[in-house]
Amino acid sequence: MPRLVAAGHEVVAVTRGRRGPYQAHGAWTAVERHTIDRVAAEASGTFGAQIRELRPEAVIDMICFTLESARQLVEALHGRVQHFLHCGTIWVHGPSTVVPTTEAQPRRPFGEYGIQKAAIEAYLMGEARRAGFPATALHPGHIVGPGWAPLNPAGHFNPSVFTQLAAGGELALPNLGLETVHHVHADDVAQAFEHALTHRGAAIGESFHVVSPAAITLRGYAEAVAAWFGQPPRLRYLPWPEWRATVTEAEAIATRDHIEHSPSCSIAKAERLLGYRPRYSSLQAVYEAVQWLIQDGQLRLPGR
């Protein structure tokens, strides 16, 4: 939102009202806010009409997770907006094959989240081609930055992994630690949406990856985190059946999802057509998020 305000847009934020912004910013005082329970409004068939009544020129949909949800909004806004931007996910691809993955590679999504997001993208691109609906899909990687708990080097979200590495403790990784994750800083995601609005002609009817310049392996990620705190990396590698017994069931499920995807995505298309230039590498983005966790008291380091 702050980027859009700074660019001179009149911004209206529609939220569920469950939390404030991830980061405080003076630009929020210039944002008109509305609270709508999207789930309830969609159940009653009124959500699309409520958005249409705000008379937007462009709509950025950040929390659409099902095809039916997307369909309701598109049908209500057809012929009423100049640009519709959907926040997708790099998980529309499923497991990586040829890397870095481009937007043109065939989709093989798995899991409810990836399957639904891929279906939404296919629907939006079809509406753009067949009916002229001005849709763009932007696919972020693992979003991090101040306010986020990062996806960690073990492939899940328990921040104790960072404490463990900071203390010089031994960290077990699944397999050989060579699976990949692909982060992106939240501000780089905002940058991509801003550039898509600016380059509307090039963006409509297209999808774009929104990630850092390069993915990182779990092993390389763990080694870098240990080095941040002046520690040598103490890593051991376990076959999956043994490794999953060392973590909770929820952590094992998260890690399995991430290593089965092992994303490594190209940003060449977004660079070429949108002028996307990420400011953060994966490790720089995670470092900023970890520093915020420390300052916020959510992550306690040894001796502090």
C-alpha atoms as a PDB file:
ATOM      1  CA  MET A   1       0.000   0.000   0.000  1.00  0.00           C
ATOM      2  CA  PRO A   2       2.687   2.569   0.846  1.00  0.00           C
ATOM      3  CA  ARG A   3       4.267   2.143  -2.594  1.00  0.00           C
ATOM      4  CA  LEU A   4       0.921   2.738  -4.316  1.00  0.00           C
ATOM      5  CA  VAL A   5       0.224   5.837  -2.216  1.00  0.00           C
ATOM      6  CA  ALA A   6       3.711   7.195  -2.953  1.00  0.00           C
ATOM      7  CA  ALA A   7       3.108   6.633  -6.674  1.00  0.00           C
ATOM      8  CA  GLY A   8       0.024   8.866  -6.507  1.00  0.00           C
ATOM      9  CA  HIS A   9      -2.732   6.260  -6.563  1.00  0.00           C
ATOM     10  CA  GLU A  10      -5.924   6.693  -4.584  1.00  0.00           C
ATOM     11  CA  VAL A  11      -5.893   3.500  -2.540  1.00  0.00           C
ATOM     12  CA  VAL A  12      -8.832   1.678  -0.966  1.00  0.00           C
ATOM     13  CA  ALA A  13      -7.989  -1.291   1.258  1.00  0.00           C
ATOM     14  CA  VAL A  14     -10.591  -4.019   1.821  1.00  0.00           C
ATOM     15  CA  THR A  15      -9.647  -6.275   4.716  1.00  0.00           C
ATOM     16  CA  ARG A  16     -11.140  -8.820   7.066  1.00  0.00           C
ATOM     17  CA  GLY A  17     -10.249  -6.520   9.946  1.00  0.00           C
ATOM     18  CA  ARG A  18      -8.342  -9.234  11.798  1.00  0.00           C
ATOM     19  CA  ARG A  19      -5.001  -7.442  12.061  1.00  0.00           C
ATOM     20  CA  GLY A  20      -3.191  -4.229  11.216  1.00  0.00           C
ATOM     21  CA  PRO A  21      -0.480  -3.753   8.579  1.00  0.00           C
ATOM     22  CA  TYR A  22       2.675  -5.835   8.879  1.00  0.00           C
ATOM     23  CA  GLN A  23       4.628  -2.601   9.308  1.00  0.00           C
ATOM     24  CA  ALA A  24       3.503   0.846  10.456  1.00  0.00           C
ATOM     25  CA  HIS A  25       3.847   3.518   7.769  1.00  0.00           C
ATOM     26  CA  GLY A  26       2.607   7.080   7.458  1.00  0.00           C
ATOM     27  CA  ALA A  27       1.117   6.311   4.042  1.00  0.00           C
ATOM     28  CA  TRP A  28      -1.656   4.282   5.701  1.00  0.00           C
ATOM     29  CA  THR A  29      -3.298   7.535   6.825  1.00  0.00           C
ATOM     30  CA  ALA A  30      -4.034   8.234   3.155  1.00  0.00           C
ATOM     31  CA  VAL A  31      -5.702   4.846   2.589  1.00  0.00           C
ATOM     32  CA  GLU A  32      -9.484   4.477   2.680  1.00  0.00           C
ATOM     33  CA  ARG A  33     -10.352   1.282   4.548  1.00  0.00           C
ATOM     34  CA  HIS A  34     -13.347  -1.047   4.400  1.00  0.00           C
ATOM     35  CA  THR A  35     -13.944  -4.196   6.439  1.00  0.00           C
ATOM     36  CA  ILE A  36     -15.676  -7.073   4.657  1.00  0.00           C
ATOM     37  CA  ASP A  37     -15.950 -10.713   5.718  1.00  0.00           C
ATOM     38  CA  ARG A  38     -15.119 -12.209   2.347  1.00  0.00           C
ATOM     39  CA  VAL A  39     -16.139 -15.750   3.239  1.00  0.00           C
ATOM     40  CA  ALA A  40     -19.573 -14.650   4.444  1.00  0.00           C
ATOM     41  CA  ALA A  41     -20.041 -12.241   1.533  1.00  0.00           C
ATOM     42  CA  GLU A  42     -19.137 -14.921  -0.995  1.00  0.00           C
ATOM     43  CA  ALA A  43     -21.492 -17.365   0.675  1.00  0.00           C
ATOM     44  CA  SER A  44     -24.312 -14.852   0.197  1.00  0.00           C
ATOM     45  CA  GLY A  45     -23.139 -13.994  -3.329  1.00  0.00           C
ATOM     46  CA  THR A  46     -22.542 -10.324  -2.520  1.00  0.00           C
ATOM     47  CA  PHE A  47     -18.753  -9.965  -2.372  1.00  0.00           C
ATOM     48  CA  GLY A  48     -18.231  -9.122  -6.036  1.00  0.00           C
ATOM     49  CA  ALA A  49     -21.013  -6.533  -5.931  1.00  0.00           C
ATOM     50  CA  GLN A  50     -19.521  -4.934  -2.820  1.00  0.00           C
ATOM     51  CA  ILE A  51     -16.169  -4.523  -4.552  1.00  0.00           C
ATOM     52  CA  ARG A  52     -17.851  -3.223  -7.723  1.00  0.00           C
ATOM     53  CA  GLU A  53     -19.730  -0.603  -5.701  1.00  0.00           C
ATOM     54  CA  LEU A  54     -16.388   0.905  -4.657  1.00  0.00           C
ATOM     55  CA  ARG A  55     -15.921   1.780  -8.363  1.00  0.00           C
ATOM     56  CA  PRO A  56     -12.259   0.760  -8.647  1.00  0.00           C
ATOM     57  CA  GLU A  57     -10.174   1.332 -11.752  1.00  0.00           C
ATOM     58  CA  ALA A  58      -7.845  -1.505 -10.728  1.00  0.00           C
ATOM     59  CA  VAL A  59      -8.249  -4.347  -8.254  1.00  0.00           C
ATOM     60  CA  ILE A  60      -5.413  -6.219  -6.544  1.00  0.00           C
ATOM     61  CA  ASP A  61      -6.694  -9.489  -5.045  1.00  0.00           C
ATOM     62  CA  MET A  62      -4.254 -10.760  -2.434  1.00  0.00           C
ATOM     63  CA  ILE A  63      -6.326 -13.461  -0.700  1.00  0.00           C
ATOM     64  CA  CYS A  64      -8.135 -15.499  -3.340  1.00  0.00           C
ATOM     65  CA  PHE A  65      -7.659 -19.229  -2.789  1.00  0.00           C
ATOM     66  CA  THR A  66     -10.377 -21.016  -4.780  1.00  0.00           C
ATOM     67  CA  LEU A  67     -11.597 -20.966  -8.348  1.00  0.00           C
ATOM     68  CA  GLU A  68     -15.152 -20.187  -7.261  1.00  0.00           C
ATOM     69  CA  SER A  69     -13.914 -17.204  -5.261  1.00  0.00           C
ATOM     70  CA  ALA A  70     -12.108 -15.839  -8.319  1.00  0.00           C
ATOM     71  CA  ARG A  71     -15.076 -16.497 -10.579  1.00  0.00           C
ATOM     72  CA  GLN A  72     -17.463 -14.494  -8.386  1.00  0.00           C
ATOM     73  CA  LEU A  73     -15.206 -11.474  -8.425  1.00  0.00           C
ATOM     74  CA  VAL A  74     -14.405 -11.613 -12.144  1.00  0.00           C
ATOM     75  CA  GLU A  75     -18.060 -11.905 -13.108  1.00  0.00           C
ATOM     76  CA  ALA A  76     -18.939  -8.888 -10.972  1.00  0.00           C
ATOM     77  CA  LEU A  77     -16.081  -6.769 -12.333  1.00  0.00           C
ATOM     78  CA  HIS A  78     -16.224  -7.698 -16.018  1.00  0.00           C
ATOM     79  CA  GLY A  79     -16.324  -4.477 -18.029  1.00  0.00           C
ATOM     80  CA  ARG A  80     -15.954  -2.393 -14.852  1.00  0.00           C
ATOM     81  CA  VAL A  81     -12.184  -2.358 -14.219  1.00  0.00           C
ATOM     82  CA  GLN A  82      -9.124  -1.465 -16.265  1.00  0.00           C
ATOM     83  CA  HIS A  83      -6.845  -3.968 -14.545  1.00  0.00           C
ATOM     84  CA  PHE A  84      -7.278  -6.969 -12.259  1.00  0.00           C
ATOM     85  CA  LEU A  85      -4.179  -8.320 -10.518  1.00  0.00           C
ATOM     86  CA  HIS A  86      -4.220 -11.699  -8.772  1.00  0.00           C
ATOM     87  CA  CYS A  87      -1.623 -12.785  -6.198  1.00  0.00           C
ATOM     88  CA  GLY A  88      -0.798 -16.387  -6.981  1.00  0.00           C
ATOM     89  CA  THR A  89       2.145 -18.563  -5.921  1.00  0.00           C
ATOM     90  CA  ILE A  90       5.134 -20.264  -7.516  1.00  0.00           C
ATOM     91  CA  TRP A  91       3.547 -23.512  -6.277  1.00  0.00           C
ATOM     92  CA  VAL A  92       1.314 -23.459  -9.368  1.00  0.00           C
ATOM     93  CA  HIS A  93       4.195 -25.326 -11.017  1.00  0.00           C
ATOM     94  CA  GLY A  94       4.370 -28.317  -8.714  1.00  0.00           C
ATOM     95  CA  PRO A  95       7.796 -30.009  -8.507  1.00  0.00           C
ATOM     96  CA  SER A  96      10.684 -28.373 -10.336  1.00  0.00           C
ATOM     97  CA  THR A  97      12.001 -30.141 -13.414  1.00  0.00           C
ATOM     98  CA  VAL A  98      14.078 -27.864 -15.673  1.00  0.00           C
ATOM     99  CA  VAL A  99      15.432 -24.970 -13.602  1.00  0.00           C
ATOM    100  CA  PRO A 100      15.196 -22.100 -13.345  1.00  0.00           C
ATOM    101  CA  THR A 101      11.500 -22.640 -14.004  1.00  0.00           C
ATOM    102  CA  THR A 102       9.899 -20.239 -16.470  1.00  0.00           C
ATOM    103  CA  GLU A 103       6.266 -19.177 -16.587  1.00  0.00           C
ATOM    104  CA  ALA A 104       5.845 -21.131 -19.837  1.00  0.00           C
ATOM    105  CA  GLN A 105       6.654 -24.543 -18.383  1.00  0.00           C
ATOM    106  CA  PRO A 106       3.753 -27.024 -18.049  1.00  0.00           C
ATOM    107  CA  ARG A 107       1.931 -26.963 -14.727  1.00  0.00           C
ATOM    108  CA  ARG A 108       1.984 -30.063 -12.515  1.00  0.00           C
ATOM    109  CA  PRO A 109       0.591 -28.724  -9.226  1.00  0.00           C
ATOM    110  CA  PHE A 110      -0.108 -30.931  -6.232  1.00  0.00           C
ATOM    111  CA  GLY A 111      -1.747 -30.219  -2.898  1.00  0.00           C
ATOM    112  CA  GLU A 112      -4.977 -28.259  -2.509  1.00  0.00           C
ATOM    113  CA  TYR A 113      -3.273 -24.852  -2.379  1.00  0.00           C
ATOM    114  CA  GLY A 114      -1.172 -25.277  -5.516  1.00  0.00           C
ATOM    115  CA  ILE A 115      -3.979 -26.971  -7.466  1.00  0.00           C
ATOM    116  CA  GLN A 116      -6.496 -24.234  -6.674  1.00  0.00           C
ATOM    117  CA  LYS A 117      -4.026 -21.435  -7.450  1.00  0.00           C
ATOM    118  CA  ALA A 118      -3.153 -23.057 -10.788  1.00  0.00           C
ATOM    119  CA  ALA A 119      -6.852 -23.355 -11.609  1.00  0.00           C
ATOM    120  CA  ILE A 120      -7.384 -19.680 -10.775  1.00  0.00           C
ATOM    121  CA  GLU A 121      -4.478 -18.660 -12.996  1.00  0.00           C
ATOM    122  CA  ALA A 122      -5.771 -20.782 -15.897  1.00  0.00           C
ATOM    123  CA  TYR A 123      -9.244 -19.278 -15.494  1.00  0.00           C
ATOM    124  CA  LEU A 124      -7.959 -15.686 -15.398  1.00  0.00           C
ATOM    125  CA  MET A 125      -5.693 -16.140 -18.403  1.00  0.00           C
ATOM    126  CA  GLY A 126      -8.564 -17.782 -20.278  1.00  0.00           C
ATOM    127  CA  GLU A 127     -10.858 -14.851 -19.457  1.00  0.00           C
ATOM    128  CA  ALA A 128      -8.170 -12.451 -20.645  1.00  0.00           C
ATOM    129  CA  ARG A 129      -7.775 -14.261 -23.975  1.00  0.00           C
ATOM    130  CA  ARG A 130     -11.408 -15.103 -24.694  1.00  0.00           C
ATOM    131  CA  ALA A 131     -13.319 -12.219 -23.170  1.00  0.00           C
ATOM    132  CA  GLY A 132     -10.799  -9.417 -22.827  1.00  0.00           C
ATOM    133  CA  PHE A 133     -10.855  -9.380 -19.031  1.00  0.00           C
ATOM    134  CA  PRO A 134      -7.755  -7.357 -18.005  1.00  0.00           C
ATOM    135  CA  ALA A 135      -6.151  -9.952 -15.730  1.00  0.00           C
ATOM    136  CA  THR A 136      -2.567 -10.369 -14.578  1.00  0.00           C
ATOM    137  CA  ALA A 137      -1.257 -13.094 -12.247  1.00  0.00           C
ATOM    138  CA  LEU A 138       1.826 -12.504 -10.133  1.00  0.00           C
ATOM    139  CA  HIS A 139       3.366 -15.515  -8.392  1.00  0.00           C
ATOM    140  CA  PRO A 140       5.469 -14.753  -5.290  1.00  0.00           C
ATOM    141  CA  GLY A 141       7.820 -17.193  -3.645  1.00  0.00           C
ATOM    142  CA  HIS A 142       8.173 -17.547   0.132  1.00  0.00           C
ATOM    143  CA  ILE A 143       7.449 -14.012   1.342  1.00  0.00           C
ATOM    144  CA  VAL A 144       9.714 -12.645   4.094  1.00  0.00           C
ATOM    145  CA  GLY A 145      10.681  -9.331   5.624  1.00  0.00           C
ATOM    146  CA  PRO A 146       9.905  -7.419   8.818  1.00  0.00           C
ATOM    147  CA  GLY A 147       6.725  -8.878  10.286  1.00  0.00           C
ATOM    148  CA  TRP A 148       7.149 -12.371   8.830  1.00  0.00           C
ATOM    149  CA  ALA A 149       8.500 -15.555  10.399  1.00  0.00           C
ATOM    150  CA  PRO A 150      10.700 -16.869   7.569  1.00  0.00           C
ATOM    151  CA  LEU A 151      10.631 -20.298   6.066  1.00  0.00           C
ATOM    152  CA  ASN A 152      13.744 -21.658   7.792  1.00  0.00           C
ATOM    153  CA  PRO A 153      16.717 -23.800   6.628  1.00  0.00           C
ATOM    154  CA  ALA A 154      14.924 -26.986   7.699  1.00  0.00           C
ATOM    155  CA  GLY A 155      11.996 -26.202   5.389  1.00  0.00           C
ATOM    156  CA  HIS A 156       9.416 -25.302   8.050  1.00  0.00           C
ATOM    157  CA  PHE A 157       8.510 -22.242  10.127  1.00  0.00           C
ATOM    158  CA  ASN A 158       9.709 -22.955  13.680  1.00  0.00           C
ATOM    159  CA  PRO A 159      12.004 -19.991  14.501  1.00  0.00           C
ATOM    160  CA  SER A 160      13.955 -22.105  16.996  1.00  0.00           C
ATOM    161  CA  VAL A 161      16.029 -23.305  14.019  1.00  0.00           C
ATOM    162  CA  PHE A 162      17.597 -19.838  13.851  1.00  0.00           C
ATOM    163  CA  THR A 163      18.336 -19.922  17.590  1.00  0.00           C
ATOM    164  CA  GLN A 164      19.902 -23.354  17.194  1.00  0.00           C
ATOM    165  CA  LEU A 165      22.237 -22.190  14.433  1.00  0.00           C
ATOM    166  CA  ALA A 166      23.056 -18.959  16.296  1.00  0.00           C
ATOM    167  CA  ALA A 167      24.139 -21.015  19.313  1.00  0.00           C
ATOM    168  CA  GLY A 168      26.414 -23.236  17.236  1.00  0.00           C
ATOM    169  CA  GLY A 169      24.154 -26.220  17.742  1.00  0.00           C
ATOM    170  CA  GLU A 170      23.866 -29.132  15.374  1.00  0.00           C
ATOM    171  CA  LEU A 171      21.014 -28.990  12.880  1.00  0.00           C
ATOM    172  CA  ALA A 172      19.682 -32.072  11.116  1.00  0.00           C
ATOM    173  CA  LEU A 173      18.525 -31.610   7.527  1.00  0.00           C
ATOM    174  CA  PRO A 174      16.510 -34.039   5.432  1.00  0.00           C
ATOM    175  CA  ASN A 175      18.268 -36.074   2.762  1.00  0.00           C
ATOM    176  CA  LEU A 176      21.430 -34.236   1.632  1.00  0.00           C
ATOM    177  CA  GLY A 177      20.134 -30.715   2.237  1.00  0.00           C
ATOM    178  CA  LEU A 178      20.231 -29.985  -1.492  1.00  0.00           C
ATOM    179  CA  GLU A 179      16.537 -29.237  -2.030  1.00  0.00           C
ATOM    180  CA  THR A 180      15.804 -25.582  -2.766  1.00  0.00           C
ATOM    181  CA  VAL A 181      13.582 -22.809  -1.432  1.00  0.00           C
ATOM    182  CA  HIS A 182      12.945 -19.480  -3.128  1.00  0.00           C
ATOM    183  CA  HIS A 183      12.219 -16.474  -0.936  1.00  0.00           C
ATOM    184  CA  VAL A 184      11.180 -12.942  -1.844  1.00  0.00           C
ATOM    185  CA  HIS A 185      11.139  -9.785   0.249  1.00  0.00           C
ATOM    186  CA  ALA A 186       7.667  -8.336   0.842  1.00  0.00           C
ATOM    187  CA  ASP A 187       8.759  -4.982  -0.603  1.00  0.00           C
ATOM    188  CA  ASP A 188       9.878  -6.688  -3.790  1.00  0.00           C
ATOM    189  CA  VAL A 189       6.416  -8.241  -4.059  1.00  0.00           C
ATOM    190  CA  ALA A 190       4.934  -4.756  -3.664  1.00  0.00           C
ATOM    191  CA  GLN A 191       7.361  -3.487  -6.292  1.00  0.00           C
ATOM    192  CA  ALA A 192       6.163  -6.111  -8.763  1.00  0.00           C
ATOM    193  CA  PHE A 193       2.506  -5.197  -8.310  1.00  0.00           C
ATOM    194  CA  GLU A 194       3.330  -1.515  -8.709  1.00  0.00           C
ATOM    195  CA  HIS A 195       5.270  -2.192 -11.921  1.00  0.00           C
ATOM    196  CA  ALA A 196       2.462  -4.379 -13.271  1.00  0.00           C
ATOM    197  CA  LEU A 197       0.036  -1.481 -12.806  1.00  0.00           C
ATOM    198  CA  THR A 198       2.476   0.896 -14.506  1.00  0.00           C
ATOM    199  CA  HIS A 199       3.095  -1.499 -17.417  1.00  0.00           C
ATOM    200  CA  ARG A 200      -0.541  -2.510 -17.804  1.00  0.00           C
ATOM    201  CA  GLY A 201      -0.321  -3.126 -21.546  1.00  0.00           C
ATOM    202  CA  ALA A 202       2.509  -5.611 -21.133  1.00  0.00           C
ATOM    203  CA  ALA A 203       1.041  -7.209 -18.009  1.00  0.00           C
ATOM    204  CA  ILE A 204      -2.535  -7.986 -19.045  1.00  0.00           C
ATOM    205  CA  GLY A 205      -3.045 -11.607 -20.013  1.00  0.00           C
ATOM    206  CA  GLU A 206       0.315 -12.635 -18.546  1.00  0.00           C
ATOM    207  CA  SER A 207       1.659 -14.307 -15.427  1.00  0.00           C
ATOM    208  CA  PHE A 208       4.958 -13.477 -13.745  1.00  0.00           C
ATOM    209  CA  HIS A 209       7.231 -14.951 -11.108  1.00  0.00           C
ATOM    210  CA  VAL A 210       7.961 -12.601  -8.211  1.00  0.00           C
ATOM    211  CA  VAL A 211      10.979 -13.999  -6.392  1.00  0.00           C
ATOM    212  CA  SER A 212      14.550 -13.085  -5.474  1.00  0.00           C
ATOM    213  CA  PRO A 213      17.228 -13.411  -8.173  1.00  0.00           C
ATOM    214  CA  ALA A 214      18.113 -16.973  -7.091  1.00  0.00           C
ATOM    215  CA  ALA A 215      16.868 -19.876  -4.999  1.00  0.00           C
ATOM    216  CA  ILE A 216      19.010 -21.347  -2.220  1.00  0.00           C
ATOM    217  CA  THR A 217      19.580 -24.909  -1.024  1.00  0.00           C
ATOM    218  CA  LEU A 218      18.671 -25.852   2.540  1.00  0.00           C
ATOM    219  CA  ARG A 219      22.334 -26.607   3.163  1.00  0.00           C
ATOM    220  CA  GLY A 220      23.573 -23.278   1.812  1.00  0.00           C
ATOM    221  CA  TYR A 221      20.851 -21.470   3.734  1.00  0.00           C
ATOM    222  CA  ALA A 222      21.842 -23.132   7.031  1.00  0.00           C
ATOM    223  CA  GLU A 223      25.529 -22.388   6.469  1.00  0.00           C
ATOM    224  CA  ALA A 224      24.762 -18.712   5.822  1.00  0.00           C
ATOM    225  CA  VAL A 225      22.591 -18.348   8.929  1.00  0.00           C
ATOM    226  CA  ALA A 226      25.278 -19.884  11.141  1.00  0.00           C
ATOM    227  CA  ALA A 227      27.826 -17.452   9.667  1.00  0.00           C
ATOM    228  CA  TRP A 228      25.595 -14.461  10.534  1.00  0.00           C
ATOM    229  CA  PHE A 229      26.178 -15.281  14.187  1.00  0.00           C
ATOM    230  CA  GLY A 230      29.879 -16.119  13.867  1.00  0.00           C
ATOM    231  CA  GLN A 231      29.297 -19.867  14.132  1.00  0.00           C
ATOM    232  CA  PRO A 232      30.622 -22.730  12.005  1.00  0.00           C
ATOM    233  CA  PRO A 233      27.785 -24.740  10.504  1.00  0.00           C
ATOM    234  CA  ARG A 234      27.224 -28.012  12.329  1.00  0.00           C
ATOM    235  CA  LEU A 235      24.974 -29.981  10.024  1.00  0.00           C
ATOM    236  CA  ARG A 236      24.030 -33.615   9.729  1.00  0.00           C
ATOM    237  CA  TYR A 237      21.906 -35.283   7.084  1.00  0.00           C
ATOM    238  CA  LEU A 238      19.272 -37.929   7.652  1.00  0.00           C
ATOM    239  CA  PRO A 239      17.116 -39.968   5.272  1.00  0.00           C
ATOM    240  CA  TRP A 240      13.575 -38.658   5.233  1.00  0.00           C
ATOM    241  CA  PRO A 241      12.013 -41.387   7.458  1.00  0.00           C
ATOM    242  CA  GLU A 242      14.643 -40.737  10.143  1.00  0.00           C
ATOM    243  CA  TRP A 243      14.545 -36.954   9.801  1.00  0.00           C
ATOM    244  CA  ARG A 244      10.776 -36.649  10.133  1.00  0.00           C
ATOM    245  CA  ALA A 245      10.969 -38.418  13.487  1.00  0.00           C
ATOM    246  CA  THR A 246      13.087 -35.510  14.813  1.00  0.00           C
ATOM    247  CA  VAL A 247      10.364 -32.850  14.335  1.00  0.00           C
ATOM    248  CA  THR A 248       6.658 -32.418  15.008  1.00  0.00           C
ATOM    249  CA  GLU A 249       4.061 -33.702  12.568  1.00  0.00           C
ATOM    250  CA  ALA A 250       3.179 -30.147  11.491  1.00  0.00           C
ATOM    251  CA  GLU A 251       6.844 -29.351  10.822  1.00  0.00           C
ATOM    252  CA  ALA A 252       7.305 -32.572   8.862  1.00  0.00           C
ATOM    253  CA  ILE A 253       4.284 -31.765   6.682  1.00  0.00           C
ATOM    254  CA  ALA A 254       5.575 -28.247   5.978  1.00  0.00           C
ATOM    255  CA  THR A 255       9.051 -29.485   5.122  1.00  0.00           C
ATOM    256  CA  ARG A 256       7.730 -32.270   2.897  1.00  0.00           C
ATOM    257  CA  ASP A 257       5.663 -29.726   0.933  1.00  0.00           C
ATOM    258  CA  HIS A 258       8.654 -27.441   0.451  1.00  0.00           C
ATOM    259  CA  ILE A 259      11.225 -30.046  -0.528  1.00  0.00           C
ATOM    260  CA  GLU A 260       8.841 -31.825  -2.894  1.00  0.00           C
ATOM    261  CA  HIS A 261       8.367 -28.507  -4.709  1.00  0.00           C
ATOM    262  CA  SER A 262      12.039 -27.403  -4.460  1.00  0.00           C
ATOM    263  CA  PRO A 263      11.251 -24.235  -6.419  1.00  0.00           C
ATOM    264  CA  SER A 264      13.850 -22.351  -8.422  1.00  0.00           C
ATOM    265  CA  CYS A 265      12.122 -19.793 -10.625  1.00  0.00           C
ATOM    266  CA  SER A 266      13.243 -17.400 -13.329  1.00  0.00           C
ATOM    267  CA  ILE A 267      12.435 -13.680 -13.107  1.00  0.00           C
ATOM    268  CA  ALA A 268      13.584 -12.933 -16.663  1.00  0.00           C
ATOM    269  CA  LYS A 269      10.038 -12.338 -17.921  1.00  0.00           C
ATOM    270  CA  ALA A 270       9.178  -9.904 -15.119  1.00  0.00           C
ATOM    271  CA  GLU A 271      12.497  -8.116 -15.653  1.00  0.00           C
ATOM    272  CA  ARG A 272      11.882  -7.803 -19.389  1.00  0.00           C
ATOM    273  CA  LEU A 273       8.215  -6.833 -19.453  1.00  0.00           C
ATOM    274  CA  LEU A 274       7.669  -5.100 -16.109  1.00  0.00           C
ATOM    275  CA  GLY A 275      11.080  -3.705 -15.247  1.00  0.00           C
ATOM    276  CA  TYR A 276      11.099  -5.800 -12.063  1.00  0.00           C
ATOM    277  CA  ARG A 277      14.384  -5.426 -10.208  1.00  0.00           C
ATOM    278  CA  PRO A 278      14.370  -7.139  -6.804  1.00  0.00           C
ATOM    279  CA  ARG A 279      16.352  -5.221  -4.202  1.00  0.00           C
ATOM    280  CA  TYR A 280      16.953  -8.259  -1.996  1.00  0.00           C
ATOM    281  CA  SER A 281      18.606 -11.621  -2.480  1.00  0.00           C
ATOM    282  CA  SER A 282      16.978 -14.537  -0.672  1.00  0.00           C
ATOM    283  CA  LEU A 283      19.480 -14.350   2.180  1.00  0.00           C
ATOM    284  CA  GLN A 284      19.243 -10.562   2.501  1.00  0.00           C
ATOM    285  CA  ALA A 285      15.458 -10.815   2.743  1.00  0.00           C
ATOM    286  CA  VAL A 286      15.621 -13.538   5.391  1.00  0.00           C
ATOM    287  CA  TYR A 287      18.301 -11.650   7.354  1.00  0.00           C
ATOM    288  CA  GLU A 288      16.057  -8.606   7.636  1.00  0.00           C
ATOM    289  CA  ALA A 289      13.163 -10.784   8.811  1.00  0.00           C
ATOM    290  CA  VAL A 290      15.325 -12.523  11.419  1.00  0.00           C
ATOM    291  CA  GLN A 291      16.616  -9.194  12.739  1.00  0.00           C
ATOM    292  CA  TRP A 292      13.023  -8.029  13.126  1.00  0.00           C
ATOM    293  CA  LEU A 293      12.141 -11.205  15.060  1.00  0.00           C
ATOM    294  CA  ILE A 294      15.068 -10.549  17.403  1.00  0.00           C
ATOM    295  CA  GLN A 295      14.105  -6.909  17.951  1.00  0.00           C
ATOM    296  CA  ASP A 296      10.461  -7.865  18.503  1.00  0.00           C
ATOM    297  CA  GLY A 297      11.444 -10.390  21.161  1.00  0.00           C
ATOM    298  CA  GLN A 298      10.086 -13.369  19.228  1.00  0.00           C
ATOM    299  CA  LEU A 299      13.549 -14.843  18.758  1.00  0.00           C
ATOM    300  CA  ARG A 300      15.914 -15.076  21.708  1.00  0.00           C
ATOM    301  CA  LEU A 301      19.595 -15.536  21.046  1.00  0.00           C
ATOM    302  CA  PRO A 302      22.096 -17.227  23.373  1.00  0.00           C
ATOM    303  CA  GLY A 303      23.514 -14.826  25.967  1.00  0.00           C
ATOM    304  CA  ARG A 304      20.900 -12.128  25.325  1.00  0.00           C
END
